[in-house]
Amino acid sequence: MFARILAVGLLAGILAGALASGAQMVQVVPLILEAEVFEVVDHPEAAVDEATWSPEDGVERTTYTVLTNLLVGAGFGLLLVGAFVLVEMGGRSIDAFRGLLWGLAGFLVFALVPSIGMPPDLPGPAAAELSERQLWWIGTAGATALGVGLIVFGRPPWVKALALPIIALPHLIGAPQASEHSGSTPAELAHEFVIASLATTGLFWVALGTTSGWLYQRIVAHT
């Protein structure tokens, strides 16, 4: 049973990661490359800094991007299938449609709601300290996951009523912001990047949820 659960999570995650990689190459990567032109203009010293390693443009960069997406997909796939096991133990069945709903919840938790306070950034513009942004993102994702869980699984109405304040709390605190705003990256390009990034991430979560639910129903639930 454990091997089947593991296989479903990995397979669904790899498939979703591969699909997201293809979408990124079409929608997201061209915007990043365009923004890097402005980054070199704003920070010419970075273009000649040989102390900081980065993958070469072309095949090497694409390979690292795809591998990262596959690993992220596999990790989220295992997390999602683990949630399926707990839900099924509670008496709820899993199929492709319910998997899709879980995928949409994952998109809300890990992408859409955190992006309200901290949207995806292009290279170039100044940003707050990385550790501060990571801490805020983790707190926001955790609060959103708890809030969504209360809405879906909470029984008394007052429990469900706690969901919105919990989800809103990180946004009331506020995401960390850069001390100064600089860079010549056009606002239109940044806006287009946010939309493309969220669309690609949404595609990833829809594919992951639907595929993992479908595979789980056929490989795990019927054994």
C-alpha atoms as a PDB file:
ATOM      1  CA  MET A   1       0.000   0.000   0.000  1.00  0.00           C
ATOM      2  CA  PHE A   2       2.754   2.455   0.951  1.00  0.00           C
ATOM      3  CA  ALA A   3       4.569   1.815  -2.337  1.00  0.00           C
ATOM      4  CA  ARG A   4       1.378   2.558  -4.290  1.00  0.00           C
ATOM      5  CA  ILE A   5       0.800   5.788  -2.395  1.00  0.00           C
ATOM      6  CA  LEU A   6       4.390   6.820  -3.014  1.00  0.00           C
ATOM      7  CA  ALA A   7       4.128   5.975  -6.705  1.00  0.00           C
ATOM      8  CA  VAL A   8       0.922   8.001  -7.142  1.00  0.00           C
ATOM      9  CA  GLY A   9       2.402  11.069  -5.477  1.00  0.00           C
ATOM     10  CA  LEU A  10       5.631  10.937  -7.446  1.00  0.00           C
ATOM     11  CA  LEU A  11       4.002  10.202 -10.802  1.00  0.00           C
ATOM     12  CA  ALA A  12       1.346  12.901 -10.464  1.00  0.00           C
ATOM     13  CA  GLY A  13       3.929  15.407  -9.273  1.00  0.00           C
ATOM     14  CA  ILE A  14       6.351  14.681 -12.098  1.00  0.00           C
ATOM     15  CA  LEU A  15       3.609  14.947 -14.721  1.00  0.00           C
ATOM     16  CA  ALA A  16       2.366  18.242 -13.294  1.00  0.00           C
ATOM     17  CA  GLY A  17       5.917  19.565 -13.027  1.00  0.00           C
ATOM     18  CA  ALA A  18       6.603  18.678 -16.650  1.00  0.00           C
ATOM     19  CA  LEU A  19       3.410  20.422 -17.772  1.00  0.00           C
ATOM     20  CA  ALA A  20       4.266  23.514 -15.729  1.00  0.00           C
ATOM     21  CA  SER A  21       7.766  23.554 -17.241  1.00  0.00           C
ATOM     22  CA  GLY A  22       6.341  23.655 -20.747  1.00  0.00           C
ATOM     23  CA  ALA A  23       3.997  26.489 -19.804  1.00  0.00           C
ATOM     24  CA  GLN A  24       6.840  28.409 -18.185  1.00  0.00           C
ATOM     25  CA  MET A  25       8.967  28.185 -21.305  1.00  0.00           C
ATOM     26  CA  VAL A  26       6.151  29.788 -23.292  1.00  0.00           C
ATOM     27  CA  GLN A  27       4.729  32.313 -20.822  1.00  0.00           C
ATOM     28  CA  VAL A  28       7.214  33.068 -18.044  1.00  0.00           C
ATOM     29  CA  VAL A  29      10.797  32.586 -19.257  1.00  0.00           C
ATOM     30  CA  PRO A  30      10.564  35.159 -22.104  1.00  0.00           C
ATOM     31  CA  LEU A  31       9.459  37.781 -19.559  1.00  0.00           C
ATOM     32  CA  ILE A  32      12.362  36.913 -17.251  1.00  0.00           C
ATOM     33  CA  LEU A  33      14.850  37.205 -20.097  1.00  0.00           C
ATOM     34  CA  GLU A  34      13.414  40.573 -21.057  1.00  0.00           C
ATOM     35  CA  ALA A  35      13.611  41.794 -17.451  1.00  0.00           C
ATOM     36  CA  GLU A  36      17.242  40.674 -17.163  1.00  0.00           C
ATOM     37  CA  VAL A  37      18.132  43.184 -19.868  1.00  0.00           C
ATOM     38  CA  PHE A  38      16.925  45.973 -17.570  1.00  0.00           C
ATOM     39  CA  GLU A  39      18.685  44.357 -14.608  1.00  0.00           C
ATOM     40  CA  VAL A  40      22.029  44.553 -16.425  1.00  0.00           C
ATOM     41  CA  VAL A  41      21.373  48.210 -17.209  1.00  0.00           C
ATOM     42  CA  ASP A  42      20.548  48.969 -13.570  1.00  0.00           C
ATOM     43  CA  HIS A  43      23.321  46.810 -12.100  1.00  0.00           C
ATOM     44  CA  PRO A  44      26.146  46.445 -14.637  1.00  0.00           C
ATOM     45  CA  GLU A  45      28.489  45.141 -11.951  1.00  0.00           C
ATOM     46  CA  ALA A  46      26.346  41.988 -11.645  1.00  0.00           C
ATOM     47  CA  ALA A  47      27.009  41.090 -15.273  1.00  0.00           C
ATOM     48  CA  VAL A  48      30.739  40.777 -14.642  1.00  0.00           C
ATOM     49  CA  ASP A  49      30.587  39.236 -11.190  1.00  0.00           C
ATOM     50  CA  GLU A  50      32.220  35.860 -11.670  1.00  0.00           C
ATOM     51  CA  ALA A  51      32.107  34.982  -7.958  1.00  0.00           C
ATOM     52  CA  THR A  52      28.382  34.207  -8.075  1.00  0.00           C
ATOM     53  CA  TRP A  53      27.550  31.054 -10.002  1.00  0.00           C
ATOM     54  CA  SER A  54      24.509  30.895 -12.238  1.00  0.00           C
ATOM     55  CA  PRO A  55      23.561  28.434 -14.992  1.00  0.00           C
ATOM     56  CA  GLU A  56      24.389  29.365 -18.547  1.00  0.00           C
ATOM     57  CA  ASP A  57      21.549  30.506 -20.766  1.00  0.00           C
ATOM     58  CA  GLY A  58      20.133  27.856 -23.059  1.00  0.00           C
ATOM     59  CA  VAL A  59      20.179  24.132 -22.383  1.00  0.00           C
ATOM     60  CA  GLU A  60      21.823  24.325 -18.952  1.00  0.00           C
ATOM     61  CA  ARG A  61      19.404  26.900 -17.600  1.00  0.00           C
ATOM     62  CA  THR A  62      16.404  25.083 -19.058  1.00  0.00           C
ATOM     63  CA  THR A  63      17.575  21.793 -17.563  1.00  0.00           C
ATOM     64  CA  TYR A  64      17.877  23.241 -14.067  1.00  0.00           C
ATOM     65  CA  THR A  65      14.462  24.876 -14.388  1.00  0.00           C
ATOM     66  CA  VAL A  66      12.803  21.630 -15.465  1.00  0.00           C
ATOM     67  CA  LEU A  67      14.550  19.585 -12.752  1.00  0.00           C
ATOM     68  CA  THR A  68      13.466  22.093 -10.114  1.00  0.00           C
ATOM     69  CA  ASN A  69       9.862  21.923 -11.302  1.00  0.00           C
ATOM     70  CA  LEU A  70       9.930  18.125 -11.273  1.00  0.00           C
ATOM     71  CA  LEU A  71      11.306  18.033  -7.729  1.00  0.00           C
ATOM     72  CA  VAL A  72       8.779  20.614  -6.510  1.00  0.00           C
ATOM     73  CA  GLY A  73       6.001  18.691  -8.244  1.00  0.00           C
ATOM     74  CA  ALA A  74       7.082  15.420  -6.659  1.00  0.00           C
ATOM     75  CA  GLY A  75       7.202  17.030  -3.211  1.00  0.00           C
ATOM     76  CA  PHE A  76       3.764  18.596  -3.479  1.00  0.00           C
ATOM     77  CA  GLY A  77       2.428  15.384  -5.042  1.00  0.00           C
ATOM     78  CA  LEU A  78       3.516  13.372  -2.010  1.00  0.00           C
ATOM     79  CA  LEU A  79       2.060  16.002   0.315  1.00  0.00           C
ATOM     80  CA  LEU A  80      -1.257  15.959  -1.528  1.00  0.00           C
ATOM     81  CA  VAL A  81      -1.549  12.171  -1.626  1.00  0.00           C
ATOM     82  CA  GLY A  82      -0.714  12.060   2.074  1.00  0.00           C
ATOM     83  CA  ALA A  83      -3.693  14.360   2.639  1.00  0.00           C
ATOM     84  CA  PHE A  84      -5.820  12.022   0.520  1.00  0.00           C
ATOM     85  CA  VAL A  85      -4.944   9.134   2.825  1.00  0.00           C
ATOM     86  CA  LEU A  86      -6.045  11.087   5.897  1.00  0.00           C
ATOM     87  CA  VAL A  87      -9.264  12.197   4.213  1.00  0.00           C
ATOM     88  CA  GLU A  88     -10.081   8.656   3.115  1.00  0.00           C
ATOM     89  CA  MET A  89      -9.457   7.404   6.658  1.00  0.00           C
ATOM     90  CA  GLY A  90     -12.085   9.928   7.748  1.00  0.00           C
ATOM     91  CA  GLY A  91     -14.636   8.338   5.439  1.00  0.00           C
ATOM     92  CA  ARG A  92     -14.408  10.609   2.372  1.00  0.00           C
ATOM     93  CA  SER A  93     -13.593   9.140  -1.021  1.00  0.00           C
ATOM     94  CA  ILE A  94     -11.115  10.588  -3.499  1.00  0.00           C
ATOM     95  CA  ASP A  95     -11.548  10.832  -7.262  1.00  0.00           C
ATOM     96  CA  ALA A  96     -10.422  13.151 -10.058  1.00  0.00           C
ATOM     97  CA  PHE A  97     -12.997  15.838  -9.247  1.00  0.00           C
ATOM     98  CA  ARG A  98     -12.198  15.891  -5.535  1.00  0.00           C
ATOM     99  CA  GLY A  99      -8.534  15.901  -6.470  1.00  0.00           C
ATOM    100  CA  LEU A 100      -9.204  18.979  -8.600  1.00  0.00           C
ATOM    101  CA  LEU A 101     -10.782  20.702  -5.590  1.00  0.00           C
ATOM    102  CA  TRP A 102      -7.711  19.864  -3.524  1.00  0.00           C
ATOM    103  CA  GLY A 103      -5.531  21.232  -6.306  1.00  0.00           C
ATOM    104  CA  LEU A 104      -7.481  24.504  -6.324  1.00  0.00           C
ATOM    105  CA  ALA A 105      -7.067  24.687  -2.551  1.00  0.00           C
ATOM    106  CA  GLY A 106      -3.324  24.184  -2.987  1.00  0.00           C
ATOM    107  CA  PHE A 107      -3.247  27.037  -5.496  1.00  0.00           C
ATOM    108  CA  LEU A 108      -5.040  29.300  -3.017  1.00  0.00           C
ATOM    109  CA  VAL A 109      -2.768  28.342  -0.139  1.00  0.00           C
ATOM    110  CA  PHE A 110       0.629  28.362  -1.806  1.00  0.00           C
ATOM    111  CA  ALA A 111       0.221  30.908  -4.608  1.00  0.00           C
ATOM    112  CA  LEU A 112      -2.860  33.097  -4.969  1.00  0.00           C
ATOM    113  CA  VAL A 113      -3.402  34.324  -1.403  1.00  0.00           C
ATOM    114  CA  PRO A 114       0.323  34.944  -0.645  1.00  0.00           C
ATOM    115  CA  SER A 115       0.599  36.846  -3.945  1.00  0.00           C
ATOM    116  CA  ILE A 116      -1.901  39.426  -2.670  1.00  0.00           C
ATOM    117  CA  GLY A 117       0.749  40.789  -0.329  1.00  0.00           C
ATOM    118  CA  MET A 118       3.873  39.614  -2.117  1.00  0.00           C
ATOM    119  CA  PRO A 119       3.345  39.076  -5.849  1.00  0.00           C
ATOM    120  CA  PRO A 120       5.932  37.226  -7.948  1.00  0.00           C
ATOM    121  CA  ASP A 121       8.917  39.453  -8.702  1.00  0.00           C
ATOM    122  CA  LEU A 122      10.966  39.846 -11.849  1.00  0.00           C
ATOM    123  CA  PRO A 123      14.762  40.144 -11.602  1.00  0.00           C
ATOM    124  CA  GLY A 124      15.949  43.678 -11.007  1.00  0.00           C
ATOM    125  CA  PRO A 125      13.639  45.617  -8.651  1.00  0.00           C
ATOM    126  CA  ALA A 126      14.762  46.001  -5.056  1.00  0.00           C
ATOM    127  CA  ALA A 127      13.162  43.576  -2.620  1.00  0.00           C
ATOM    128  CA  ALA A 128      12.998  43.079   1.124  1.00  0.00           C
ATOM    129  CA  GLU A 129      15.391  40.748   2.933  1.00  0.00           C
ATOM    130  CA  LEU A 130      14.978  37.177   1.675  1.00  0.00           C
ATOM    131  CA  SER A 131      14.603  35.636   5.149  1.00  0.00           C
ATOM    132  CA  GLU A 132      11.846  38.117   6.007  1.00  0.00           C
ATOM    133  CA  ARG A 133       9.968  37.343   2.800  1.00  0.00           C
ATOM    134  CA  GLN A 134      10.325  33.610   3.359  1.00  0.00           C
ATOM    135  CA  LEU A 135       9.025  33.894   6.924  1.00  0.00           C
ATOM    136  CA  TRP A 136       6.018  35.950   5.807  1.00  0.00           C
ATOM    137  CA  TRP A 137       5.262  33.517   2.977  1.00  0.00           C
ATOM    138  CA  ILE A 138       5.399  30.512   5.320  1.00  0.00           C
ATOM    139  CA  GLY A 139       3.139  32.250   7.821  1.00  0.00           C
ATOM    140  CA  THR A 140       0.679  33.281   5.116  1.00  0.00           C
ATOM    141  CA  ALA A 141       0.550  29.817   3.550  1.00  0.00           C
ATOM    142  CA  GLY A 142       0.074  28.240   6.984  1.00  0.00           C
ATOM    143  CA  ALA A 143      -2.689  30.676   7.964  1.00  0.00           C
ATOM    144  CA  THR A 144      -4.441  30.182   4.631  1.00  0.00           C
ATOM    145  CA  ALA A 145      -4.220  26.395   4.921  1.00  0.00           C
ATOM    146  CA  LEU A 146      -5.677  26.541   8.426  1.00  0.00           C
ATOM    147  CA  GLY A 147      -8.457  28.881   7.290  1.00  0.00           C
ATOM    148  CA  VAL A 148      -9.389  26.735   4.301  1.00  0.00           C
ATOM    149  CA  GLY A 149      -9.349  23.660   6.530  1.00  0.00           C
ATOM    150  CA  LEU A 150     -11.738  25.319   8.987  1.00  0.00           C
ATOM    151  CA  ILE A 151     -14.103  26.278   6.164  1.00  0.00           C
ATOM    152  CA  VAL A 152     -14.152  22.773   4.674  1.00  0.00           C
ATOM    153  CA  PHE A 153     -13.933  20.564   7.762  1.00  0.00           C
ATOM    154  CA  GLY A 154     -15.137  22.809  10.602  1.00  0.00           C
ATOM    155  CA  ARG A 155     -18.410  21.729  12.090  1.00  0.00           C
ATOM    156  CA  PRO A 156     -19.851  24.470  14.365  1.00  0.00           C
ATOM    157  CA  PRO A 157     -20.532  27.740  12.501  1.00  0.00           C
ATOM    158  CA  TRP A 158     -18.341  29.697  14.922  1.00  0.00           C
ATOM    159  CA  VAL A 159     -15.369  27.553  13.928  1.00  0.00           C
ATOM    160  CA  LYS A 160     -15.919  28.387  10.268  1.00  0.00           C
ATOM    161  CA  ALA A 161     -16.256  32.063  11.231  1.00  0.00           C
ATOM    162  CA  LEU A 162     -12.666  32.021  12.496  1.00  0.00           C
ATOM    163  CA  ALA A 163     -11.360  31.204   9.016  1.00  0.00           C
ATOM    164  CA  LEU A 164     -11.451  34.672   7.459  1.00  0.00           C
ATOM    165  CA  PRO A 165      -9.699  36.477  10.351  1.00  0.00           C
ATOM    166  CA  ILE A 166      -6.997  33.810  10.354  1.00  0.00           C
ATOM    167  CA  ILE A 167      -6.479  34.112   6.588  1.00  0.00           C
ATOM    168  CA  ALA A 168      -6.451  37.920   6.786  1.00  0.00           C
ATOM    169  CA  LEU A 169      -4.014  38.158   9.723  1.00  0.00           C
ATOM    170  CA  PRO A 170      -0.731  38.005   7.734  1.00  0.00           C
ATOM    171  CA  HIS A 171      -2.057  40.649   5.336  1.00  0.00           C
ATOM    172  CA  LEU A 172      -3.031  42.900   8.241  1.00  0.00           C
ATOM    173  CA  ILE A 173       0.508  42.526   9.574  1.00  0.00           C
ATOM    174  CA  GLY A 174       1.787  43.291   6.085  1.00  0.00           C
ATOM    175  CA  ALA A 175       4.361  41.675   3.834  1.00  0.00           C
ATOM    176  CA  PRO A 176       7.951  42.912   4.152  1.00  0.00           C
ATOM    177  CA  GLN A 177       8.743  45.676   1.689  1.00  0.00           C
ATOM    178  CA  ALA A 178      11.987  46.959   0.210  1.00  0.00           C
ATOM    179  CA  SER A 179      13.408  50.038   1.929  1.00  0.00           C
ATOM    180  CA  GLU A 180      13.783  51.721  -1.432  1.00  0.00           C
ATOM    181  CA  HIS A 181      12.239  51.201  -4.846  1.00  0.00           C
ATOM    182  CA  SER A 182      14.596  51.201  -7.777  1.00  0.00           C
ATOM    183  CA  GLY A 183      15.021  49.737 -11.213  1.00  0.00           C
ATOM    184  CA  SER A 184      13.955  50.568 -14.701  1.00  0.00           C
ATOM    185  CA  THR A 185      11.852  47.450 -15.335  1.00  0.00           C
ATOM    186  CA  PRO A 186       8.564  48.651 -16.876  1.00  0.00           C
ATOM    187  CA  ALA A 187       5.506  48.294 -14.690  1.00  0.00           C
ATOM    188  CA  GLU A 188       3.645  46.675 -17.576  1.00  0.00           C
ATOM    189  CA  LEU A 189       6.269  43.938 -17.776  1.00  0.00           C
ATOM    190  CA  ALA A 190       6.060  43.293 -14.035  1.00  0.00           C
ATOM    191  CA  HIS A 191       2.261  43.123 -14.217  1.00  0.00           C
ATOM    192  CA  GLU A 192       2.400  40.709 -17.134  1.00  0.00           C
ATOM    193  CA  PHE A 193       4.857  38.550 -15.199  1.00  0.00           C
ATOM    194  CA  VAL A 194       2.536  38.311 -12.199  1.00  0.00           C
ATOM    195  CA  ILE A 195      -0.346  37.164 -14.395  1.00  0.00           C
ATOM    196  CA  ALA A 196       1.794  34.661 -16.313  1.00  0.00           C
ATOM    197  CA  SER A 197       3.320  33.248 -13.122  1.00  0.00           C
ATOM    198  CA  LEU A 198      -0.033  32.788 -11.412  1.00  0.00           C
ATOM    199  CA  ALA A 199      -1.554  31.258 -14.549  1.00  0.00           C
ATOM    200  CA  THR A 200       1.315  28.764 -14.807  1.00  0.00           C
ATOM    201  CA  THR A 201       1.110  27.937 -11.105  1.00  0.00           C
ATOM    202  CA  GLY A 202      -2.646  27.497 -11.384  1.00  0.00           C
ATOM    203  CA  LEU A 203      -2.166  25.099 -14.286  1.00  0.00           C
ATOM    204  CA  PHE A 204       0.326  23.145 -12.186  1.00  0.00           C
ATOM    205  CA  TRP A 205      -2.069  22.771  -9.253  1.00  0.00           C
ATOM    206  CA  VAL A 206      -5.058  21.875 -11.427  1.00  0.00           C
ATOM    207  CA  ALA A 207      -3.007  19.193 -13.175  1.00  0.00           C
ATOM    208  CA  LEU A 208      -1.531  17.924  -9.901  1.00  0.00           C
ATOM    209  CA  GLY A 209      -4.867  17.698  -8.102  1.00  0.00           C
ATOM    210  CA  THR A 210      -6.780  16.109 -10.965  1.00  0.00           C
ATOM    211  CA  THR A 211      -4.055  13.618 -11.880  1.00  0.00           C
ATOM    212  CA  SER A 212      -3.285  12.596  -8.309  1.00  0.00           C
ATOM    213  CA  GLY A 213      -6.993  12.153  -7.519  1.00  0.00           C
ATOM    214  CA  TRP A 214      -7.547  10.063 -10.638  1.00  0.00           C
ATOM    215  CA  LEU A 215      -4.497   7.894 -10.014  1.00  0.00           C
ATOM    216  CA  TYR A 216      -5.306   7.534  -6.323  1.00  0.00           C
ATOM    217  CA  GLN A 217      -8.822   6.290  -7.077  1.00  0.00           C
ATOM    218  CA  ARG A 218      -7.519   3.616  -9.464  1.00  0.00           C
ATOM    219  CA  ILE A 219      -4.264   2.534  -7.864  1.00  0.00           C
ATOM    220  CA  VAL A 220      -4.733   3.026  -4.131  1.00  0.00           C
ATOM    221  CA  ALA A 221      -8.426   3.237  -3.250  1.00  0.00           C
ATOM    222  CA  HIS A 222      -9.382   0.032  -5.105  1.00  0.00           C
ATOM    223  CA  THR A 223      -6.692  -2.138  -3.566  1.00  0.00           C
END
